[in-house]
Amino acid sequence: MKLKNKIYKPKSINEAIDLFHTFFSCDLYSKFRPEVKIGKEKWFRKDWFKTEEEFNEYLDAHFKILKKEIQGLK
């Protein structure tokens, strides 16, 4: 079974930036603190940052996405 990602297109530059901020607030926290306790179970995120270079690559990739979203609004 193939899953399709649904791509949401922001309606304004401010919305694109707000969505980006929300995404980072959720995603980056667990990338730096990969172990979390949910109920009585411990969960561990496998794609946490191991080096500063990985973190910089992650940021570059996501800022490219944001720039494309904003350019699509112009």
C-alpha atoms as a PDB file:
ATOM      1  CA  MET A   1       0.000   0.000   0.000  1.00  0.00           C
ATOM      2  CA  LYS A   2       1.375   3.383  -1.005  1.00  0.00           C
ATOM      3  CA  LEU A   3       0.700   6.350   1.239  1.00  0.00           C
ATOM      4  CA  LYS A   4       0.267   9.798  -0.239  1.00  0.00           C
ATOM      5  CA  ASN A   5       1.289  12.887   1.648  1.00  0.00           C
ATOM      6  CA  LYS A   6      -1.278  15.613   1.578  1.00  0.00           C
ATOM      7  CA  ILE A   7       0.462  18.916   0.955  1.00  0.00           C
ATOM      8  CA  TYR A   8      -1.093  21.956   2.557  1.00  0.00           C
ATOM      9  CA  LYS A   9      -0.447  25.264   0.820  1.00  0.00           C
ATOM     10  CA  PRO A  10      -0.488  28.291   3.132  1.00  0.00           C
ATOM     11  CA  LYS A  11      -2.633  31.219   2.072  1.00  0.00           C
ATOM     12  CA  SER A  12      -0.268  33.958   3.263  1.00  0.00           C
ATOM     13  CA  ILE A  13       3.352  34.539   4.164  1.00  0.00           C
ATOM     14  CA  ASN A  14       2.405  34.990   7.820  1.00  0.00           C
ATOM     15  CA  GLU A  15       0.548  31.676   7.804  1.00  0.00           C
ATOM     16  CA  ALA A  16       3.570  29.928   6.231  1.00  0.00           C
ATOM     17  CA  ILE A  17       5.830  31.331   8.945  1.00  0.00           C
ATOM     18  CA  ASP A  18       3.351  30.442  11.722  1.00  0.00           C
ATOM     19  CA  LEU A  19       3.038  26.861  10.443  1.00  0.00           C
ATOM     20  CA  PHE A  20       6.820  26.614  10.228  1.00  0.00           C
ATOM     21  CA  HIS A  21       7.115  27.811  13.824  1.00  0.00           C
ATOM     22  CA  THR A  22       4.526  25.280  15.018  1.00  0.00           C
ATOM     23  CA  PHE A  23       6.278  22.458  13.177  1.00  0.00           C
ATOM     24  CA  PHE A  24       9.654  23.378  14.680  1.00  0.00           C
ATOM     25  CA  SER A  25       8.200  23.708  18.182  1.00  0.00           C
ATOM     26  CA  CYS A  26       6.956  20.121  18.008  1.00  0.00           C
ATOM     27  CA  ASP A  27       9.682  18.472  15.959  1.00  0.00           C
ATOM     28  CA  LEU A  28      12.860  20.041  17.312  1.00  0.00           C
ATOM     29  CA  TYR A  29      12.055  19.388  20.950  1.00  0.00           C
ATOM     30  CA  SER A  30      11.996  15.644  20.420  1.00  0.00           C
ATOM     31  CA  LYS A  31      15.037  15.754  18.121  1.00  0.00           C
ATOM     32  CA  PHE A  32      17.068  17.084  21.065  1.00  0.00           C
ATOM     33  CA  ARG A  33      15.280  15.048  23.723  1.00  0.00           C
ATOM     34  CA  PRO A  34      14.539  11.782  21.936  1.00  0.00           C
ATOM     35  CA  GLU A  35      13.324   9.823  24.972  1.00  0.00           C
ATOM     36  CA  VAL A  36       9.784  10.521  26.131  1.00  0.00           C
ATOM     37  CA  LYS A  37       7.497   8.753  28.570  1.00  0.00           C
ATOM     38  CA  ILE A  38       3.947   8.232  27.315  1.00  0.00           C
ATOM     39  CA  GLY A  39       1.775   6.726  29.995  1.00  0.00           C
ATOM     40  CA  LYS A  40       3.902   4.013  31.548  1.00  0.00           C
ATOM     41  CA  GLU A  41       5.953   3.343  28.423  1.00  0.00           C
ATOM     42  CA  LYS A  42       9.202   4.949  27.322  1.00  0.00           C
ATOM     43  CA  TRP A  43       9.399   5.863  23.639  1.00  0.00           C
ATOM     44  CA  PHE A  44      12.621   6.730  21.865  1.00  0.00           C
ATOM     45  CA  ARG A  45      12.898   8.749  18.674  1.00  0.00           C
ATOM     46  CA  LYS A  46      15.421   7.147  16.329  1.00  0.00           C
ATOM     47  CA  ASP A  47      16.210  10.170  14.137  1.00  0.00           C
ATOM     48  CA  TRP A  48      17.650  12.529  16.749  1.00  0.00           C
ATOM     49  CA  PHE A  49      20.622  14.792  16.006  1.00  0.00           C
ATOM     50  CA  LYS A  50      23.967  13.140  16.587  1.00  0.00           C
ATOM     51  CA  THR A  51      26.125  15.981  15.252  1.00  0.00           C
ATOM     52  CA  GLU A  52      25.955  19.702  14.674  1.00  0.00           C
ATOM     53  CA  GLU A  53      26.281  18.998  10.945  1.00  0.00           C
ATOM     54  CA  GLU A  54      23.060  16.927  10.992  1.00  0.00           C
ATOM     55  CA  PHE A  55      21.281  19.784  12.747  1.00  0.00           C
ATOM     56  CA  ASN A  56      22.499  22.310  10.154  1.00  0.00           C
ATOM     57  CA  GLU A  57      21.448  20.060   7.259  1.00  0.00           C
ATOM     58  CA  TYR A  58      18.014  19.697   8.855  1.00  0.00           C
ATOM     59  CA  LEU A  59      17.644  23.459   9.185  1.00  0.00           C
ATOM     60  CA  ASP A  60      18.819  24.078   5.602  1.00  0.00           C
ATOM     61  CA  ALA A  61      16.318  21.568   4.208  1.00  0.00           C
ATOM     62  CA  HIS A  62      13.386  23.033   6.124  1.00  0.00           C
ATOM     63  CA  PHE A  63      14.250  26.646   5.315  1.00  0.00           C
ATOM     64  CA  LYS A  64      14.351  25.678   1.619  1.00  0.00           C
ATOM     65  CA  ILE A  65      10.809  24.315   2.006  1.00  0.00           C
ATOM     66  CA  LEU A  66       9.678  27.555   3.660  1.00  0.00           C
ATOM     67  CA  LYS A  67      11.269  29.668   0.896  1.00  0.00           C
ATOM     68  CA  LYS A  68       9.459  27.614  -1.788  1.00  0.00           C
ATOM     69  CA  GLU A  69       6.149  28.053   0.041  1.00  0.00           C
ATOM     70  CA  ILE A  70       6.652  31.807   0.246  1.00  0.00           C
ATOM     71  CA  GLN A  71       7.752  32.061  -3.407  1.00  0.00           C
ATOM     72  CA  GLY A  72       4.599  30.135  -4.374  1.00  0.00           C
ATOM     73  CA  LEU A  73       2.508  32.837  -2.688  1.00  0.00           C
ATOM     74  CA  LYS A  74       4.056  35.723  -4.619  1.00  0.00           C
END
